[in-house]
Protein backbone atom coordinates (compact mmCIF):
# COMPACT_ATOMS: atom_id res chain seq x y z
CA MET A 1 0.12 0.24 -0.11
CA ASN A 2 1.58 3.11 -0.91
CA ASN A 3 1.69 6.54 0.97
CA THR A 4 -1.12 8.17 -0.82
CA ILE A 5 -3.36 5.62 -0.24
CA GLN A 6 -2.34 5.12 3.38
CA TYR A 7 -3.01 8.67 4.09
CA MET A 8 -6.28 8.79 2.27
CA LEU A 9 -7.52 5.98 4.38
CA PHE A 10 -6.39 7.46 7.61
CA TRP A 11 -8.20 10.66 6.66
CA LEU A 12 -11.55 9.05 5.85
CA LEU A 13 -10.95 6.84 9.27
CA GLY A 14 -10.08 10.06 11.17
CA SER A 15 -13.04 12.09 10.03
CA ALA A 16 -15.63 9.17 10.45
CA ALA A 17 -14.61 9.00 14.10
CA VAL A 18 -15.52 12.57 14.95
CA GLY A 19 -18.85 12.27 12.36
CA GLN A 20 -17.58 14.59 9.89
CA SER A 21 -18.00 14.66 6.03
CA PRO A 22 -14.12 13.78 4.69
CA GLN A 23 -12.55 16.23 2.70
CA LEU A 24 -9.60 14.84 0.93
CA PRO A 25 -6.67 17.25 0.05
CA SER A 26 -5.31 16.56 -3.50
CA VAL A 27 -2.19 15.26 -4.00
CA ASP A 28 0.65 16.99 -5.91
CA LEU A 29 3.11 14.48 -7.20
CA ASP A 30 5.45 17.01 -8.84
CA HIS A 31 8.42 16.29 -6.62
CA LYS A 32 9.86 12.57 -6.86
CA THR A 33 11.07 12.40 -3.04
CA ALA A 34 7.41 13.25 -1.09
CA PHE A 35 4.23 14.52 -2.13
CA GLN A 36 2.86 17.77 -0.86
CA MET A 37 -0.94 18.09 -0.05
CA VAL A 38 -2.56 20.93 -1.91
CA VAL A 39 -5.77 22.54 -0.18
CA THR A 40 -9.09 21.62 -1.79
CA GLY A 41 -11.99 23.48 -0.15
CA GLN A 42 -11.80 24.52 3.24
CA SER A 43 -8.37 25.73 4.56
CA PRO A 44 -7.16 23.71 7.68
CA TYR A 45 -5.91 27.28 8.94
CA PRO A 46 -7.98 30.28 9.80
CA MET A 47 -9.49 32.08 6.93
CA ASN A 48 -9.63 35.46 8.32
CA ASP A 49 -6.84 38.39 7.70
CA ARG A 50 -4.58 37.32 10.44
CA LYS A 51 -2.29 39.73 12.70
CA ASN A 52 -0.86 37.44 14.93
CA LEU A 53 1.65 35.31 12.87
CA SER A 54 5.42 36.34 12.92
CA VAL A 55 7.40 34.75 15.98
CA HIS A 56 10.66 36.43 17.39
CA CYS A 57 14.06 34.09 16.60
CA GLY A 58 17.29 34.90 16.79
CA GLY A 59 18.02 38.31 15.54
CA GLY A 60 14.66 38.31 13.66
CA LYS A 61 11.41 37.20 12.89
CA GLY A 62 9.73 33.94 11.35
CA VAL A 63 6.45 32.21 10.72
CA LEU A 64 5.20 29.04 11.94
CA ILE A 65 4.44 26.65 8.65
CA SER A 66 3.50 23.43 11.00
CA PRO A 67 3.55 22.53 14.51
CA HIS A 68 7.25 21.80 14.71
CA TRP A 69 8.89 24.17 11.91
CA VAL A 70 9.49 27.78 11.73
CA LEU A 71 10.55 29.43 8.39
CA THR A 72 13.05 32.26 8.80
CA ALA A 73 15.86 34.30 7.01
CA SER A 74 19.25 32.29 7.61
CA HIS A 75 20.88 35.54 8.10
CA CYS A 76 18.59 35.99 11.38
CA ILE A 77 20.20 32.77 13.06
CA THR A 78 23.79 33.12 14.18
CA SER A 79 26.16 30.06 13.76
CA SER A 80 27.34 30.49 16.85
CA LYS A 81 23.97 30.30 18.67
CA ALA A 82 22.83 27.37 16.40
CA LYS A 83 26.01 25.19 17.18
CA ALA A 84 25.46 25.99 20.98
CA GLY A 85 21.72 25.28 20.93
CA GLN A 86 20.56 28.68 21.95
CA VAL A 87 18.10 29.61 19.43
CA LYS A 88 14.67 29.95 20.79
CA VAL A 89 11.51 30.96 19.03
CA LYS A 90 9.19 33.58 21.14
CA PHE A 91 5.65 34.41 20.26
CA THR A 92 2.27 35.38 21.98
CA THR A 93 -0.26 33.16 21.88
CA SER A 94 -4.12 33.64 20.84
CA LYS A 95 -4.80 33.75 24.37
CA ARG A 96 -2.23 36.73 24.45
CA LYS A 97 0.15 34.65 26.75
CA PRO A 98 4.11 34.81 26.05
CA ALA A 99 5.35 31.72 24.97
CA THR A 100 9.18 30.26 24.61
CA ILE A 101 10.10 26.95 22.95
CA GLY A 102 13.64 25.89 22.14
CA VAL A 103 14.99 24.95 18.85
CA ASN A 104 16.86 21.73 18.15
CA LYS A 105 17.69 21.87 14.62
CA VAL A 106 18.56 24.68 11.94
CA ILE A 107 18.48 23.67 8.47
CA ARG A 108 19.72 26.50 6.02
CA HIS A 109 19.30 26.65 2.26
CA LYS A 110 22.68 26.39 0.47
CA THR A 111 21.94 29.45 -1.58
CA LYS A 112 18.94 31.42 -0.72
CA ASP A 113 18.45 33.43 2.40
CA LEU A 114 16.03 30.90 4.07
CA ALA A 115 16.21 28.62 7.18
CA LEU A 116 14.10 26.13 9.03
CA LEU A 117 13.85 25.58 12.66
CA ARG A 118 12.82 22.73 14.19
CA LEU A 119 11.05 23.14 17.53
CA VAL A 120 11.37 20.74 20.58
CA ARG A 121 7.95 20.44 21.17
CA PRO A 122 4.77 21.31 18.98
CA VAL A 123 3.00 24.44 18.90
CA LYS A 124 -1.07 23.94 19.59
CA MET A 125 -3.19 24.82 16.93
CA GLU A 126 -5.32 26.81 19.55
CA ASP A 127 -2.00 28.67 20.49
CA ARG A 128 -1.08 29.61 17.08
CA PRO A 129 -2.27 27.98 13.94
CA PRO A 130 0.33 27.74 10.93
CA VAL A 131 0.02 29.28 7.70
CA LEU A 132 -0.45 28.05 4.43
CA LEU A 133 2.39 28.19 1.48
CA LEU A 134 2.46 28.88 -2.08
CA ARG A 135 3.40 26.12 -4.14
CA GLN A 136 3.87 27.92 -7.59
CA THR A 137 6.14 30.74 -8.56
CA LEU A 138 5.00 34.29 -9.02
CA VAL A 139 6.21 35.70 -12.19
CA ARG A 140 5.72 39.41 -13.57
CA SER A 141 2.90 38.46 -15.95
CA ASP A 142 0.87 37.88 -12.45
CA GLY A 143 1.06 41.55 -12.38
CA LYS A 144 1.24 43.86 -9.53
CA LEU A 145 0.48 41.95 -6.03
CA SER A 146 -1.14 43.38 -3.27
CA VAL A 147 1.15 42.11 -0.08
CA LYS A 148 1.13 42.16 3.51
CA LYS A 149 4.05 41.95 5.85
CA VAL A 150 3.90 40.99 9.45
CA ALA A 151 6.78 41.53 11.87
CA GLY A 152 5.82 41.38 15.74
CA ASN A 153 3.00 43.56 16.63
CA GLU A 154 3.55 45.62 13.42
CA ILE A 155 1.54 44.78 10.13
CA TRP A 156 1.85 46.60 6.64
CA ARG A 157 -1.03 45.88 3.73
CA GLY A 158 -1.36 46.78 0.32
CA ILE A 159 2.48 46.78 -0.44
CA PRO A 160 2.73 46.50 -4.31
CA ALA A 161 4.95 43.72 -5.05
CA MET A 162 6.06 41.91 -8.31
CA GLY A 163 7.15 38.60 -9.12
CA GLY A 164 9.83 37.27 -11.25
CA GLY A 165 13.01 35.28 -10.83
CA HIS A 166 13.90 34.01 -7.36
CA ASN A 167 12.79 36.89 -5.45
CA LEU A 168 9.49 39.20 -4.84
CA ASN A 169 10.55 42.81 -5.30
CA VAL A 170 8.96 46.05 -4.49
CA PRO A 171 10.27 48.46 -7.24
CA LYS A 172 9.71 51.92 -5.50
CA LYS A 173 11.66 52.52 -2.29
CA LYS A 174 8.67 54.73 -1.26
CA ASP A 175 6.37 51.52 -1.22
CA ARG A 176 8.58 49.59 1.06
CA ARG A 177 7.30 49.03 4.63
CA GLY A 178 9.35 47.62 7.61
CA LYS A 179 11.67 48.23 10.33
CA ALA A 180 15.07 46.93 12.05
CA GLY A 181 14.48 43.62 13.25
CA SER A 182 11.65 42.62 10.40
CA SER A 183 14.10 40.47 8.39
CA GLY A 184 12.87 36.90 8.42
CA GLY A 185 9.08 37.77 8.68
CA PRO A 186 6.44 36.54 6.24
CA TRP A 187 5.38 38.47 2.83
CA LEU A 188 1.93 37.27 2.61
CA ILE A 189 -1.27 37.57 0.29
CA HIS A 190 -4.71 37.19 1.98
CA SER A 191 -6.90 35.20 -0.37
CA SER A 192 -10.82 35.11 0.05
CA ALA A 193 -10.42 31.49 -1.16
CA VAL A 194 -8.16 30.00 1.41
CA GLY A 195 -7.01 32.81 3.82
CA ASP A 196 -3.14 34.03 4.54
CA VAL A 197 -0.58 32.37 2.28
CA VAL A 198 3.19 32.89 2.65
CA ILE A 199 4.99 33.94 -0.63
CA GLY A 200 7.96 35.01 0.73
CA ILE A 201 10.26 35.92 3.72
CA THR A 202 11.77 39.04 4.19
CA HIS A 203 15.55 39.77 3.07
CA GLY A 204 15.21 43.29 3.56
CA GLY A 205 12.78 46.07 2.51
CA GLY A 206 12.75 45.79 -1.04
CA TYR A 207 12.88 42.01 -1.64
CA ALA A 208 11.97 38.50 -0.31
CA PRO A 209 13.15 34.98 -1.67
CA GLN A 210 10.13 33.48 -3.01
CA VAL A 211 8.88 30.54 -1.05
CA ALA A 212 7.53 28.48 -3.85
CA HIS A 213 11.48 28.51 -5.27
CA ALA A 214 12.67 26.54 -2.44
CA ALA A 215 9.16 24.49 -2.11
CA LYS A 216 11.28 21.28 -2.51
CA TRP A 217 13.67 22.02 0.01
CA ILE A 218 11.12 23.18 2.54
CA ASN A 219 8.81 19.83 2.00
CA ASP A 220 11.79 17.28 1.72
CA SER A 221 13.63 18.96 5.07
CA VAL A 222 10.35 18.76 6.95
CA THR A 223 9.31 15.22 5.91
CA GLU A 224 13.08 14.33 6.71
CA HIS A 225 13.10 15.32 10.23
CA SER A 226 9.71 15.04 11.40
CA LYS A 227 6.20 13.71 10.88
CA ASP A 228 4.70 17.16 10.31
CA GLN A 229 2.58 17.69 7.25
CA LEU A 230 2.73 20.90 5.34
CA TYR A 231 -0.20 22.30 3.37
CA TRP A 232 0.20 24.38 0.30
CA ALA A 233 -2.07 26.66 -1.78
CA THR A 234 -2.06 27.07 -5.73
CA LYS A 235 -1.37 30.40 -7.39
CA VAL A 236 -4.99 30.46 -8.53
CA GLN A 237 -6.31 29.95 -5.04
CA THR A 238 -3.82 32.43 -3.37
CA LEU A 239 -4.62 35.15 -5.92
CA THR A 240 -8.28 34.80 -5.79
CA GLN A 241 -9.71 38.07 -4.06
């Protein structure tokens, strides 16, 4: 029995146990090493335009993408602290209580300013729901994007960004938003179809590496070092307003 069939049987049995009609996520087999679950129907995460999204880690921010994993900018995590096991993730729960969780693994992308942090214990859904990830790259023909950035208690909406290449860019300096210490925080698009979707991770005020260009690395790293399941959104879903 292959992984796809096993997952679907688990989904069906779990839904039946709680008296719900099962909604099977579609299976994307583009990547050879592991399949990714693309959301169909209702998103597993909140649909509202969320504010309480970023977490503090190292010298910057990050975003929770599954119960055990935070995605951030690699330059926010110093090598000395990572080797010494001193990296911690801090955030405020949905009940406005402070939380601190240690990190037991730091995985850096070889060429992009991205890093994955594995938490020593999972974050409960009621404390901080994760965020969907964009599965497909954004290009110039997708037009001007209306992006929001979140860093701590700060949120900036309506940032005009463009896709193209491996990065998202805000061409005009006057349109850039942010503050010192906001590196590693998420660039998102709020979709009426699936809610908030992470499309990039802040490198600086003007550009961010696209999550989709590192999708295989993100998915493979998470599945190799944990049993967490990532949830992805398509470009059509993400750009639905």
